Amino acid sequence: MKINYSKYTNKIKFWKSVIENVKNFSGTSPPSVFVGSSFYPKVFVGVLSPTEKKDSTSILDSPENWYKNRSSISDILNYRSQMILSRFKTESVINNPGNMEQVVQEIASAKKSTDIEVNLKNNPKFSFNIEKNIINSPIGSPAQVLNIKITSNPTIEKKVNYVIDDFDLKANDAIMNLYNKGIEISRLQKIFSSGLLGNKNQRKFVPTRWGITAVDDIIGKSLMKNIHYYPVIDKPTLFHNEYLGNHYEILFIPNKYRFELIESWNEGIDNSNFSLSSDYEDNYGRKNYANQTHGAFYAGRLAIMEYFMKTKKQASVLIIREILPTYDVPLGIWQMRETVRGAFENKPETFATVTQALLRLSSRLNLGSKWMGKSELLKNLTEQRTIKNFISF
């Protein structure tokens, strides 16, 4: 994937002059916090905020609303460009918070935007560090913070406070407790990364990129325990959706739960330059990390589990993610979770046979059927001969 950040610079250059001309400021965090992974366990921890107070800055760090509003790449970069990452290095990720660590934790647990006062060591330098397989949303303009304090009362619901104050509740159980009470995934990830969940002696800051995937995995695995008891769907069922240059085909095959994600990185205009990667799990789930598709695997699986819980059905699931050249700036794995969720809001197509569904699926992909030889799921189902009228590849 060729990252083409430069084409968006003219649209966000206004924020460069704003960002680089402040040292001390009063701002409003969305709320948004970040925990780095470099130099672990002495990692950078910080708060993101624009340089002025506003009534609400929630849109600056709200993946759920970005999808709901169909925000463009330019929109999202504009949101992220407004914020400075005021950060400091912890002595250890182990939860023994000092004053600034406590500020980070309070902001992470807040439901609404929180006013802060920041004193920086030096003026920030406007920048973005964007990687091909970015898990979190782009983070820009880091600056060393000398002091940071909250100047408004953070809004923290009783249900969140209750779980944070329960030092005997395991982190997995705490996450599911809050998830079942309607706390958004993106917010759960911040609370978890800030070391606010779990047994007292096991709490610690978790790098944001790890925490995002961990929360997706924890929730997905927990929901999976229920779906094994649901009946299998009757017919091959196909969903699709597209957002930010990511095209998804989601096929449900009448069989017990299995899941495979195949990703195609399309870097050429004639479909001749693409790469394929995939990860698969059987009915028992995975024991090791999905090291080909990374956090996308867990984000997509979570959306599937939510749909199965809603419909009280199960199936073998194949997701084809075709990453088009228009997705020229990676924005975080949230877009997979939200776009797959969004696919289930659309009316699906059903078919008499799996063959018909596969033909339809491939007809909408730029790479056609070139992905089929990569599929472990289709191979296993074909060899087991458990599907009538299933063709061999």
Foldseek 3Di string as FASTA:
>chain_A
DAFDPVVLCVVQVVLQVVQQPDFKAKWKPLFDKFWADPPPFFTKIWTKTARYYDPHLVVLADLLVCVVVLPEPSRNCNSQQRIETAIDTHPGQFPPDDDVLVVLLLSLQFPTIFMKIWGFPHRWGWDWDFDPLFAAFIHTTYTYTPDMDTDDDGHHDPLSVVQLPPQAAAQLRSLVSVVVVPDDLSSSLSNQQSQRHGHNRPTGHDGSSVSSLVSLQSLLVVLLVQLQPFAFDDFWKWFWFDGQQKTKIKIFARDAEKEKEKEWEQDDPQSPDIDIFMDIDDSVGDPDARVGNGSLRSLLSSLVSVVCVVVRHGGYMYMYIYRGVSNNTDGHSSVSNSRNNVRVVDDIDTDPFVVVVLQVRQVPDSNRCPCVVVDPVLVVCVVVVPGPPRDDD
